[in-house]
C-alpha cells in the first residue's frame, strides 16, 4: 500500500503540473482546444484522490482527513463542471482564481493523505 500511495502521489504531482501549465495557458487565451484534455486530467486527479483516500482509510489515516478528501473531491468536481456559468464577463476572473485554488487544494490533499500513509507504514 505504501508503494501505491507513492505512485499515486507522484502521478498527481506530474498531472498537477500539466494542469497548472494548461490552466495558465487558458488564462492567457492560448491552447483553448485543450480544455477537454484539462478536464479529463482533472477528473483523473480527483479519482486518484479518492483512491488514495480509500487506501488511507485502510492504513489508519484519521477518518476525518479521509472523508474530507473524498468530500473535497466532490466539491472540486461540482465546482469545475459548473464554473462556466458563474459570474459571466469580467468578474469570471474571480471564478478562475477560485478554480486554481481548488485544484491546488486537491493536490495538497493528496500530499497530506499520502504523507500520513507513509508515516503509518513506517511506524
N, C-alpha and C. Protein backbone atom coordinates (compact mmCIF):
# COMPACT_ATOMS: atom_id res chain seq x y z
N UNK A 1 0.82 -1.20 0.00
CA UNK A 1 0.00 0.00 0.00
C UNK A 1 0.86 1.26 0.00
N UNK A 2 2.02 1.19 0.66
CA UNK A 2 2.90 2.36 0.70
C UNK A 2 3.41 2.68 -0.70
N UNK A 3 3.71 1.64 -1.48
CA UNK A 3 4.18 1.85 -2.85
C UNK A 3 3.06 2.46 -3.69
N UNK A 4 1.85 1.96 -3.52
CA UNK A 4 0.71 2.52 -4.27
C UNK A 4 0.53 3.99 -3.94
N UNK A 5 0.64 4.34 -2.67
CA UNK A 5 0.50 5.73 -2.26
C UNK A 5 1.59 6.59 -2.89
N UNK A 6 2.80 6.08 -2.92
CA UNK A 6 3.91 6.82 -3.51
C UNK A 6 3.70 7.01 -5.01
N UNK A 7 3.25 5.97 -5.70
CA UNK A 7 2.99 6.07 -7.13
C UNK A 7 1.88 7.09 -7.39
N UNK A 8 0.79 7.00 -6.63
CA UNK A 8 -0.32 7.94 -6.81
C UNK A 8 0.14 9.37 -6.56
N UNK A 9 0.91 9.58 -5.51
CA UNK A 9 1.40 10.93 -5.23
C UNK A 9 2.23 11.48 -6.38
N UNK A 10 3.13 10.65 -6.91
CA UNK A 10 3.98 11.13 -8.00
C UNK A 10 3.20 11.36 -9.29
N UNK A 11 2.22 10.51 -9.56
CA UNK A 11 1.38 10.73 -10.74
C UNK A 11 0.60 12.03 -10.59
N UNK A 12 0.05 12.28 -9.40
CA UNK A 12 -0.69 13.52 -9.17
C UNK A 12 0.24 14.73 -9.29
N UNK A 13 1.46 14.61 -8.85
CA UNK A 13 2.40 15.72 -8.98
C UNK A 13 2.64 16.07 -10.45
N UNK A 14 2.85 15.05 -11.28
CA UNK A 14 3.08 15.28 -12.71
C UNK A 14 1.81 15.83 -13.37
N UNK A 15 0.67 15.17 -13.10
CA UNK A 15 -0.58 15.64 -13.69
C UNK A 15 -0.93 17.04 -13.20
N UNK A 16 -0.66 17.33 -11.94
CA UNK A 16 -0.92 18.66 -11.40
C UNK A 16 -0.11 19.72 -12.11
N UNK A 17 1.13 19.42 -12.41
CA UNK A 17 1.97 20.36 -13.15
C UNK A 17 1.41 20.59 -14.55
N UNK A 18 0.99 19.50 -15.21
CA UNK A 18 0.38 19.63 -16.53
C UNK A 18 -0.88 20.49 -16.45
N UNK A 19 -1.71 20.24 -15.44
CA UNK A 19 -2.93 21.02 -15.27
C UNK A 19 -2.63 22.50 -15.05
N UNK A 20 -1.62 22.79 -14.24
CA UNK A 20 -1.26 24.19 -14.00
C UNK A 20 -0.78 24.88 -15.27
N UNK A 21 0.07 24.20 -16.03
CA UNK A 21 0.57 24.79 -17.27
C UNK A 21 -0.59 25.04 -18.23
N UNK A 22 -1.45 24.03 -18.42
CA UNK A 22 -2.59 24.21 -19.30
C UNK A 22 -3.51 25.33 -18.79
N UNK A 23 -3.77 25.34 -17.49
CA UNK A 23 -4.64 26.36 -16.92
C UNK A 23 -4.13 27.76 -17.14
N UNK A 24 -2.83 27.96 -16.96
CA UNK A 24 -2.27 29.29 -17.20
C UNK A 24 -2.29 29.65 -18.69
N UNK A 25 -2.13 28.64 -19.55
CA UNK A 25 -2.26 28.89 -21.00
C UNK A 25 -3.68 29.34 -21.33
N UNK A 26 -4.67 28.67 -20.72
CA UNK A 26 -6.07 29.06 -20.97
C UNK A 26 -6.32 30.47 -20.46
N UNK A 27 -5.77 30.77 -19.30
CA UNK A 27 -5.98 32.07 -18.68
C UNK A 27 -5.48 33.20 -19.58
N UNK A 28 -4.42 32.90 -20.34
CA UNK A 28 -3.87 33.91 -21.25
C UNK A 28 -4.48 33.84 -22.64
N UNK A 29 -5.47 32.97 -22.82
CA UNK A 29 -6.16 32.88 -24.09
C UNK A 29 -5.52 31.97 -25.12
N UNK A 30 -4.62 31.11 -24.70
CA UNK A 30 -3.94 30.20 -25.62
C UNK A 30 -4.39 28.75 -25.38
N UNK A 31 -4.20 27.92 -26.39
CA UNK A 31 -4.41 26.47 -26.29
C UNK A 31 -5.81 26.08 -25.82
N UNK A 32 -6.80 26.86 -26.14
CA UNK A 32 -8.16 26.59 -25.66
C UNK A 32 -8.72 25.28 -26.20
N UNK A 33 -8.13 24.76 -27.28
CA UNK A 33 -8.60 23.48 -27.80
C UNK A 33 -8.28 22.33 -26.85
N UNK A 34 -7.40 22.58 -25.85
CA UNK A 34 -7.03 21.54 -24.90
C UNK A 34 -7.87 21.57 -23.61
N UNK A 35 -8.91 22.37 -23.59
CA UNK A 35 -9.78 22.42 -22.40
C UNK A 35 -10.35 21.04 -22.06
N UNK A 36 -10.83 20.26 -23.04
CA UNK A 36 -11.33 18.92 -22.69
C UNK A 36 -10.24 18.01 -22.10
N UNK A 37 -9.02 18.17 -22.57
CA UNK A 37 -7.90 17.39 -22.01
C UNK A 37 -7.69 17.80 -20.55
N UNK A 38 -7.71 19.10 -20.31
CA UNK A 38 -7.56 19.63 -18.95
C UNK A 38 -8.65 19.07 -18.03
N UNK A 39 -9.85 19.01 -18.55
CA UNK A 39 -10.97 18.50 -17.75
C UNK A 39 -10.78 17.02 -17.43
N UNK A 40 -10.39 16.22 -18.42
CA UNK A 40 -10.20 14.78 -18.18
C UNK A 40 -9.05 14.54 -17.20
N UNK A 41 -7.97 15.28 -17.34
CA UNK A 41 -6.85 15.11 -16.41
C UNK A 41 -7.29 15.49 -15.00
N UNK A 42 -8.07 16.55 -14.87
CA UNK A 42 -8.59 16.94 -13.57
C UNK A 42 -9.45 15.86 -12.95
N UNK A 43 -10.27 15.21 -13.77
CA UNK A 43 -11.09 14.11 -13.28
C UNK A 43 -10.22 12.95 -12.80
N UNK A 44 -9.13 12.68 -13.52
CA UNK A 44 -8.21 11.62 -13.11
C UNK A 44 -7.58 11.96 -11.76
N UNK A 45 -7.18 13.21 -11.59
CA UNK A 45 -6.57 13.63 -10.31
C UNK A 45 -7.56 13.43 -9.16
N UNK A 46 -8.82 13.80 -9.37
CA UNK A 46 -9.81 13.62 -8.31
C UNK A 46 -10.05 12.13 -8.06
N UNK A 47 -10.07 11.33 -9.12
CA UNK A 47 -10.20 9.88 -8.94
C UNK A 47 -9.04 9.31 -8.13
N UNK A 48 -7.83 9.79 -8.41
CA UNK A 48 -6.66 9.35 -7.64
C UNK A 48 -6.75 9.81 -6.19
N UNK A 49 -7.29 11.00 -5.95
CA UNK A 49 -7.51 11.47 -4.59
C UNK A 49 -8.44 10.51 -3.85
N UNK A 50 -9.51 10.08 -4.52
CA UNK A 50 -10.46 9.15 -3.90
C UNK A 50 -9.83 7.79 -3.64
N UNK A 51 -9.03 7.31 -4.59
CA UNK A 51 -8.35 6.02 -4.40
C UNK A 51 -7.39 6.12 -3.22
N UNK A 52 -6.63 7.19 -3.16
CA UNK A 52 -5.69 7.38 -2.06
C UNK A 52 -6.42 7.51 -0.73
N UNK A 53 -7.58 8.15 -0.75
CA UNK A 53 -8.39 8.24 0.47
C UNK A 53 -8.82 6.86 0.93
N UNK A 54 -9.21 6.01 -0.01
CA UNK A 54 -9.58 4.64 0.34
C UNK A 54 -8.42 3.87 0.93
N UNK A 55 -7.24 4.04 0.35
CA UNK A 55 -6.04 3.40 0.90
C UNK A 55 -5.78 3.94 2.29
N UNK A 56 -5.92 5.24 2.46
CA UNK A 56 -5.70 5.86 3.76
C UNK A 56 -6.64 5.32 4.82
N UNK A 57 -7.88 5.08 4.43
CA UNK A 57 -8.86 4.54 5.37
C UNK A 57 -8.43 3.17 5.87
N UNK A 58 -7.84 2.38 4.99
CA UNK A 58 -7.38 1.04 5.38
C UNK A 58 -6.08 1.08 6.17
N UNK A 59 -5.31 2.16 6.02
CA UNK A 59 -4.00 2.25 6.67
C UNK A 59 -4.01 3.05 7.96
N UNK A 60 -5.17 3.44 8.42
CA UNK A 60 -5.25 4.11 9.71
C UNK A 60 -5.10 5.62 9.68
N UNK A 61 -5.24 6.21 8.52
CA UNK A 61 -5.25 7.67 8.44
C UNK A 61 -6.52 8.15 9.13
N UNK A 62 -6.46 9.23 9.88
CA UNK A 62 -7.67 9.70 10.59
C UNK A 62 -8.87 9.80 9.65
N UNK A 63 -9.99 9.23 10.08
CA UNK A 63 -11.17 9.21 9.21
C UNK A 63 -11.63 10.60 8.77
N UNK A 64 -11.43 11.60 9.60
CA UNK A 64 -11.82 12.95 9.22
C UNK A 64 -11.06 13.44 8.00
N UNK A 65 -9.77 13.15 7.95
CA UNK A 65 -8.96 13.55 6.81
C UNK A 65 -9.37 12.78 5.57
N UNK A 66 -9.61 11.49 5.72
CA UNK A 66 -10.01 10.66 4.59
C UNK A 66 -11.36 11.11 4.04
N UNK A 67 -12.34 11.27 4.92
CA UNK A 67 -13.66 11.72 4.48
C UNK A 67 -13.61 13.13 3.92
N UNK A 68 -12.75 13.96 4.52
CA UNK A 68 -12.56 15.31 3.99
C UNK A 68 -12.01 15.27 2.57
N UNK A 69 -11.07 14.36 2.31
CA UNK A 69 -10.52 14.21 0.96
C UNK A 69 -11.57 13.76 -0.04
N UNK A 70 -12.40 12.82 0.38
CA UNK A 70 -13.47 12.34 -0.51
C UNK A 70 -14.49 13.44 -0.79
N UNK A 71 -14.90 14.14 0.25
CA UNK A 71 -15.87 15.23 0.11
C UNK A 71 -15.28 16.37 -0.72
N UNK A 72 -14.01 16.68 -0.48
CA UNK A 72 -13.36 17.76 -1.22
C UNK A 72 -13.35 17.44 -2.71
N UNK A 73 -13.12 16.19 -3.06
CA UNK A 73 -13.15 15.78 -4.46
C UNK A 73 -14.50 16.04 -5.10
N UNK A 74 -15.57 15.75 -4.37
CA UNK A 74 -16.92 16.00 -4.88
C UNK A 74 -17.12 17.50 -5.11
N UNK A 75 -16.69 18.30 -4.15
CA UNK A 75 -16.84 19.76 -4.26
C UNK A 75 -16.06 20.29 -5.45
N UNK A 76 -14.83 19.82 -5.63
CA UNK A 76 -14.00 20.30 -6.74
C UNK A 76 -14.64 19.95 -8.07
N UNK A 77 -15.11 18.71 -8.21
CA UNK A 77 -15.75 18.32 -9.47
C UNK A 77 -17.01 19.13 -9.73
N UNK A 78 -17.84 19.28 -8.72
CA UNK A 78 -19.08 20.04 -8.89
C UNK A 78 -18.79 21.48 -9.30
N UNK A 79 -17.81 22.08 -8.65
CA UNK A 79 -17.45 23.46 -8.98
C UNK A 79 -16.89 23.54 -10.40
N UNK A 80 -16.00 22.62 -10.74
CA UNK A 80 -15.35 22.66 -12.05
C UNK A 80 -16.35 22.49 -13.18
N UNK A 81 -17.32 21.60 -13.01
CA UNK A 81 -18.31 21.38 -14.06
C UNK A 81 -19.25 22.57 -14.23
N UNK A 82 -19.46 23.32 -13.18
CA UNK A 82 -20.41 24.44 -13.23
C UNK A 82 -19.74 25.80 -13.36
N UNK A 83 -18.42 25.86 -13.32
CA UNK A 83 -17.75 27.15 -13.23
C UNK A 83 -18.02 28.07 -14.42
N UNK A 84 -18.34 27.52 -15.57
CA UNK A 84 -18.62 28.35 -16.74
C UNK A 84 -19.86 29.22 -16.58
N UNK A 85 -20.74 28.83 -15.68
CA UNK A 85 -21.99 29.59 -15.52
C UNK A 85 -21.93 30.59 -14.37
N UNK A 86 -20.81 30.64 -13.65
CA UNK A 86 -20.68 31.56 -12.52
C UNK A 86 -20.08 32.89 -12.99
N UNK A 87 -20.66 33.98 -12.59
CA UNK A 87 -20.14 35.33 -12.84
C UNK A 87 -19.63 35.52 -14.27
N UNK A 88 -20.52 35.57 -15.24
CA UNK A 88 -20.05 35.77 -16.61
C UNK A 88 -19.42 37.15 -16.78
N UNK A 89 -18.63 37.28 -17.82
CA UNK A 89 -17.98 38.56 -18.11
C UNK A 89 -16.66 38.72 -17.38
N UNK A 90 -16.29 39.95 -17.10
CA UNK A 90 -15.02 40.24 -16.46
C UNK A 90 -14.89 39.69 -15.06
N UNK A 91 -16.01 39.54 -14.37
CA UNK A 91 -15.97 39.02 -13.00
C UNK A 91 -15.63 37.53 -12.96
N UNK A 92 -15.63 36.89 -14.14
CA UNK A 92 -15.32 35.45 -14.18
C UNK A 92 -13.88 35.17 -13.76
N UNK A 93 -13.03 36.19 -13.77
CA UNK A 93 -11.65 36.00 -13.32
C UNK A 93 -11.60 35.52 -11.86
N UNK A 94 -12.54 35.98 -11.07
CA UNK A 94 -12.63 35.53 -9.67
C UNK A 94 -12.88 34.02 -9.63
N UNK A 95 -13.75 33.53 -10.49
CA UNK A 95 -14.06 32.11 -10.55
C UNK A 95 -12.84 31.32 -11.00
N UNK A 96 -12.11 31.85 -11.95
CA UNK A 96 -10.88 31.18 -12.39
C UNK A 96 -9.87 31.07 -11.25
N UNK A 97 -9.75 32.13 -10.46
CA UNK A 97 -8.83 32.11 -9.33
C UNK A 97 -9.27 31.07 -8.29
N UNK A 98 -10.57 31.02 -8.03
CA UNK A 98 -11.09 30.03 -7.08
C UNK A 98 -10.85 28.63 -7.61
N UNK A 99 -11.03 28.44 -8.92
CA UNK A 99 -10.78 27.14 -9.54
C UNK A 99 -9.32 26.72 -9.35
N UNK A 100 -8.41 27.66 -9.55
CA UNK A 100 -6.99 27.40 -9.32
C UNK A 100 -6.74 26.97 -7.88
N UNK A 101 -7.33 27.69 -6.93
CA UNK A 101 -7.14 27.36 -5.51
C UNK A 101 -7.73 25.99 -5.17
N UNK A 102 -8.90 25.68 -5.73
CA UNK A 102 -9.48 24.35 -5.51
C UNK A 102 -8.56 23.26 -6.04
N UNK A 103 -7.99 23.47 -7.23
CA UNK A 103 -7.07 22.49 -7.81
C UNK A 103 -5.82 22.30 -6.96
N UNK A 104 -5.26 23.41 -6.50
CA UNK A 104 -4.08 23.30 -5.63
C UNK A 104 -4.45 22.61 -4.32
N UNK A 105 -5.66 22.85 -3.83
CA UNK A 105 -6.12 22.19 -2.62
C UNK A 105 -6.23 20.68 -2.80
N UNK A 106 -6.69 20.25 -3.98
CA UNK A 106 -6.80 18.81 -4.26
C UNK A 106 -5.42 18.17 -4.27
N UNK A 107 -4.46 18.85 -4.87
CA UNK A 107 -3.09 18.33 -4.88
C UNK A 107 -2.56 18.28 -3.45
N UNK A 108 -2.84 19.31 -2.67
CA UNK A 108 -2.43 19.33 -1.27
C UNK A 108 -3.05 18.21 -0.46
N UNK A 109 -4.31 17.89 -0.74
CA UNK A 109 -4.98 16.79 -0.04
C UNK A 109 -4.28 15.47 -0.34
N UNK A 110 -3.92 15.27 -1.61
CA UNK A 110 -3.18 14.06 -1.98
C UNK A 110 -1.87 13.99 -1.20
N UNK A 111 -1.19 15.11 -1.09
CA UNK A 111 0.08 15.14 -0.35
C UNK A 111 -0.12 14.84 1.13
N UNK A 112 -1.17 15.42 1.72
CA UNK A 112 -1.43 15.18 3.15
C UNK A 112 -1.76 13.72 3.42
N UNK A 113 -2.68 13.18 2.65
CA UNK A 113 -3.10 11.79 2.87
C UNK A 113 -1.95 10.84 2.55
N UNK A 114 -1.23 11.10 1.46
CA UNK A 114 -0.08 10.26 1.11
C UNK A 114 1.00 10.29 2.18
N UNK A 115 1.25 11.46 2.74
CA UNK A 115 2.24 11.57 3.83
C UNK A 115 1.82 10.79 5.06
N UNK A 116 0.54 10.85 5.39
CA UNK A 116 0.03 10.09 6.54
C UNK A 116 0.14 8.59 6.31
N UNK A 117 -0.12 8.16 5.07
CA UNK A 117 0.01 6.72 4.76
C UNK A 117 1.46 6.28 4.92
N UNK A 118 2.39 7.09 4.41
CA UNK A 118 3.81 6.74 4.52
C UNK A 118 4.25 6.69 5.98
N UNK A 119 3.81 7.65 6.78
CA UNK A 119 4.19 7.65 8.19
C UNK A 119 3.58 6.47 8.92
N UNK A 120 2.34 6.10 8.57
CA UNK A 120 1.70 4.94 9.20
C UNK A 120 2.42 3.66 8.84
N UNK A 121 2.90 3.57 7.61
CA UNK A 121 3.61 2.37 7.17
C UNK A 121 4.98 2.27 7.82
N UNK A 122 5.60 3.43 8.08
CA UNK A 122 6.92 3.43 8.72
C UNK A 122 6.86 3.09 10.20
N UNK A 123 5.72 3.35 10.83
CA UNK A 123 5.59 3.12 12.28
C UNK A 123 5.37 1.67 12.62
